[in-house]
C-alpha cells in the first residue's frame, strides 16, 4: 500500500490573533503571514461580495509567495441596518456601536477561501451569522467595555468571552464563523484538498 502523500504547507493569510487561535484547534502545523491587502470596499459593493473578494485576494497574494501550499484567506464584516460596521478602535466608538445595537440585530458575513497554490484550485464560502442583542442599559455597556475592551472587534464585542452576556440569541450554522474563521467549512475544504486530520 503506497504511503500517503505528504501534507502541503498550510498558510494562514492573516495576522489576526483570533484566527490563529481558531486554526490551532485543528491540530495542524501552519504558518501565519500578513497578506498586505487593501481592504477598502466600494460604496456599491454588497457586503457578501466584499468579504468574498477580500478573502480570495488575501489568499491569492500569499499564494504567490508560497507556490506549494494551501493558503487560507478570510475576511469578515459586520452589518447593522444595511450599514457596514468597522472595528471601533476606541472606547467612544464602541459605546456608540453597542448603543445602536441595543434591542436590534447585527449580521456578520465571513468570507473564506482555500487556495491550493499547487493547482490554482480555489474553494470559497461565505457564512452569515445573525446576532440578536438584548436591550442594553448604559451602565451595562460601560461595565462590559471596561472589562473586555473589544476595540479591535467589529461590532464591539467578543462572543467567545464576556460579550456573550450582551445577546438574546445567535443564529448560526458555525459558531466559529462569528470569531472570524468558519472551521466547519474550512475542514470540509481541507478534506477536499486531501488533508487528513489527526
Protein backbone atom coordinates (compact mmCIF):
# COMPACT_ATOMS: atom_id res chain seq x y z
CA UNK A 1 0.00 0.00 0.00
CA UNK A 2 1.55 3.34 -1.06
CA UNK A 3 2.39 5.87 1.62
CA UNK A 4 0.03 8.83 1.81
CA UNK A 5 1.22 11.97 0.05
CA UNK A 6 2.88 14.44 2.41
CA UNK A 7 0.62 17.24 3.57
CA UNK A 8 1.35 20.52 1.82
CA UNK A 9 2.37 23.52 3.87
CA UNK A 10 -0.64 25.27 5.40
CA UNK A 11 -0.52 29.07 5.46
CA UNK A 12 -3.00 31.41 7.13
CA UNK A 13 -3.12 34.70 5.24
CA UNK A 14 -3.91 36.75 8.32
CA UNK A 15 -2.30 38.48 11.28
CA UNK A 16 -5.48 38.14 13.36
CA UNK A 17 -4.75 36.50 16.73
CA UNK A 18 -8.37 35.28 16.81
CA UNK A 19 -8.00 33.41 13.52
CA UNK A 20 -4.69 31.91 14.61
CA UNK A 21 -6.25 30.59 17.82
CA UNK A 22 -9.14 29.08 15.88
CA UNK A 23 -6.89 27.36 13.35
CA UNK A 24 -4.76 25.93 16.18
CA UNK A 25 -7.83 23.94 17.27
CA UNK A 26 -7.40 21.68 14.23
CA UNK A 27 -4.01 20.41 15.39
CA UNK A 28 -2.35 21.00 12.01
CA UNK A 29 1.01 22.76 11.61
CA UNK A 30 0.68 26.14 9.89
CA UNK A 31 2.34 29.48 9.48
CA UNK A 32 0.59 32.85 9.56
CA UNK A 33 1.67 35.69 7.30
CA UNK A 34 0.40 39.20 6.67
CA UNK A 35 -1.36 39.39 3.29
CA UNK A 36 -1.00 43.17 2.96
CA UNK A 37 -4.25 43.59 1.02
CA UNK A 38 -6.16 46.89 0.77
CA UNK A 39 -9.47 46.14 2.50
CA UNK A 40 -11.37 49.16 1.19
CA UNK A 41 -14.77 48.38 -0.26
CA UNK A 42 -16.66 50.33 -2.88
CA UNK A 43 -19.87 52.13 -1.99
CA UNK A 44 -21.99 49.84 -4.17
CA UNK A 45 -20.31 46.55 -3.32
CA UNK A 46 -22.66 44.25 -1.40
CA UNK A 47 -21.17 43.11 1.89
CA UNK A 48 -21.23 39.43 0.90
CA UNK A 49 -19.29 40.22 -2.29
CA UNK A 50 -16.85 42.35 -0.28
CA UNK A 51 -15.86 39.63 2.20
CA UNK A 52 -15.66 37.02 -0.55
CA UNK A 53 -13.43 39.26 -2.70
CA UNK A 54 -11.13 40.13 0.19
CA UNK A 55 -10.80 36.53 1.40
CA UNK A 56 -9.81 35.50 -2.13
CA UNK A 57 -7.44 38.45 -2.56
CA UNK A 58 -5.63 37.66 0.71
CA UNK A 59 -5.20 34.02 -0.31
CA UNK A 60 -4.00 34.90 -3.83
CA UNK A 61 -1.41 37.42 -2.64
CA UNK A 62 0.09 34.94 -0.18
CA UNK A 63 -0.09 32.08 -2.71
CA UNK A 64 2.31 33.97 -4.96
CA UNK A 65 4.95 33.72 -2.19
CA UNK A 66 4.14 30.09 -1.27
CA UNK A 67 3.89 28.06 -4.51
CA UNK A 68 3.45 24.64 -2.87
CA UNK A 69 0.98 25.45 -0.11
CA UNK A 70 -2.66 25.55 0.86
CA UNK A 71 -3.50 29.16 1.64
CA UNK A 72 -6.39 30.16 3.91
CA UNK A 73 -7.84 33.61 3.35
CA UNK A 74 -10.69 35.01 5.43
CA UNK A 75 -12.43 38.33 5.88
CA UNK A 76 -15.35 39.47 8.00
CA UNK A 77 -17.72 42.42 8.03
CA UNK A 78 -20.48 43.32 10.45
CA UNK A 79 -23.70 44.88 9.15
CA UNK A 80 -26.47 46.67 11.02
CA UNK A 81 -29.47 48.24 9.27
CA UNK A 82 -27.63 47.98 5.95
CA UNK A 83 -24.53 49.80 7.24
CA UNK A 84 -21.14 48.08 7.34
CA UNK A 85 -19.51 48.45 10.74
CA UNK A 86 -15.76 48.59 11.18
CA UNK A 87 -13.71 47.88 14.26
CA UNK A 88 -14.45 50.58 16.82
CA UNK A 89 -10.83 51.36 17.58
CA UNK A 90 -11.60 53.18 20.82
CA UNK A 91 -13.98 53.31 23.76
CA UNK A 92 -16.22 56.11 22.50
CA UNK A 93 -16.89 54.40 19.17
CA UNK A 94 -17.53 51.06 20.90
CA UNK A 95 -20.13 52.74 23.12
CA UNK A 96 -21.86 54.11 20.01
CA UNK A 97 -21.86 50.72 18.29
CA UNK A 98 -23.36 48.91 21.28
CA UNK A 99 -25.93 51.63 21.97
CA UNK A 100 -27.07 51.40 18.34
CA UNK A 101 -27.19 47.58 18.58
CA UNK A 102 -29.31 47.50 21.75
CA UNK A 103 -32.54 45.58 21.12
CA UNK A 104 -31.58 45.02 17.46
CA UNK A 105 -29.51 42.54 15.50
CA UNK A 106 -26.29 42.54 13.52
CA UNK A 107 -25.37 40.27 10.65
CA UNK A 108 -21.81 39.03 10.38
CA UNK A 109 -20.60 37.99 6.95
CA UNK A 110 -17.45 35.86 6.99
CA UNK A 111 -15.73 35.07 3.71
CA UNK A 112 -13.43 32.05 3.44
CA UNK A 113 -11.11 30.99 0.63
CA UNK A 114 -8.83 27.96 0.44
CA UNK A 115 -6.34 28.48 -2.38
CA UNK A 116 -4.27 25.50 -3.49
CA UNK A 117 -1.19 27.15 -4.98
CA UNK A 118 -0.03 23.81 -6.39
CA UNK A 119 -3.02 23.59 -8.73
CA UNK A 120 -4.60 27.05 -8.61
CA UNK A 121 -7.80 25.46 -7.32
CA UNK A 122 -9.91 27.82 -5.22
CA UNK A 123 -12.71 26.84 -2.82
CA UNK A 124 -14.90 29.63 -1.44
CA UNK A 125 -17.63 30.04 1.14
CA UNK A 126 -19.47 32.89 2.87
CA UNK A 127 -21.06 32.37 6.28
CA UNK A 128 -23.83 34.57 7.66
CA UNK A 129 -24.39 34.75 11.40
CA UNK A 130 -27.15 36.80 12.99
CA UNK A 131 -26.54 38.19 16.48
CA UNK A 132 -29.61 39.45 18.38
CA UNK A 133 -28.85 41.89 21.20
CA UNK A 134 -30.77 42.33 24.44
CA UNK A 135 -31.89 45.79 25.46
CA UNK A 136 -28.65 47.17 26.89
CA UNK A 137 -28.55 49.80 29.63
CA UNK A 138 -25.79 52.42 29.52
CA UNK A 139 -24.16 51.08 32.67
CA UNK A 140 -24.12 47.52 31.26
CA UNK A 141 -22.36 48.74 28.12
CA UNK A 142 -19.82 50.66 30.19
CA UNK A 143 -19.09 47.71 32.50
CA UNK A 144 -18.70 45.35 29.57
CA UNK A 145 -16.34 47.62 27.65
CA UNK A 146 -14.20 48.30 30.71
CA UNK A 147 -13.95 44.57 31.39
CA UNK A 148 -13.14 43.29 27.89
CA UNK A 149 -12.03 46.31 25.79
CA UNK A 150 -13.06 44.75 22.44
CA UNK A 151 -11.86 47.73 20.40
CA UNK A 152 -10.27 45.54 17.71
CA UNK A 153 -13.50 43.60 17.07
CA UNK A 154 -16.19 44.57 14.57
CA UNK A 155 -19.42 45.04 16.49
CA UNK A 156 -17.56 45.92 19.72
CA UNK A 157 -17.79 42.54 21.46
CA UNK A 158 -16.07 39.18 21.83
CA UNK A 159 -18.64 36.41 21.61
CA UNK A 160 -16.11 33.89 22.87
CA UNK A 161 -15.73 35.94 26.06
CA UNK A 162 -17.90 38.14 28.22
CA UNK A 163 -19.62 39.54 25.13
CA UNK A 164 -21.96 36.54 25.21
CA UNK A 165 -23.82 38.28 28.07
CA UNK A 166 -24.99 41.01 25.66
CA UNK A 167 -27.04 38.69 23.46
CA UNK A 168 -30.54 37.37 23.29
CA UNK A 169 -29.62 34.87 20.57
CA UNK A 170 -27.02 33.84 18.00
CA UNK A 171 -28.33 32.24 14.82
CA UNK A 172 -25.52 30.40 13.05
CA UNK A 173 -24.57 27.15 11.35
CA UNK A 174 -20.99 27.51 12.64
CA UNK A 175 -20.18 29.25 15.94
CA UNK A 176 -16.53 29.74 14.95
CA UNK A 177 -17.51 31.94 12.00
CA UNK A 178 -18.51 34.74 14.35
CA UNK A 179 -14.99 34.75 15.83
CA UNK A 180 -13.54 35.11 12.34
CA UNK A 181 -12.83 31.71 10.74
CA UNK A 182 -15.60 29.19 9.91
CA UNK A 183 -13.90 25.94 10.90
CA UNK A 184 -16.69 23.60 9.77
CA UNK A 185 -16.46 24.90 6.19
CA UNK A 186 -12.67 25.04 6.37
CA UNK A 187 -12.44 21.38 7.44
CA UNK A 188 -14.65 20.42 4.52
CA UNK A 189 -12.38 22.34 2.13
CA UNK A 190 -9.18 20.90 3.61
CA UNK A 191 -10.51 17.33 3.36
CA UNK A 192 -11.38 18.02 -0.28
CA UNK A 193 -7.78 19.16 -0.79
CA UNK A 194 -6.50 15.86 0.64
CA UNK A 195 -5.73 16.91 4.21
CA UNK A 196 -6.22 14.25 6.87
CA UNK A 197 -6.97 15.32 10.40
CA UNK A 198 -5.28 13.80 13.46
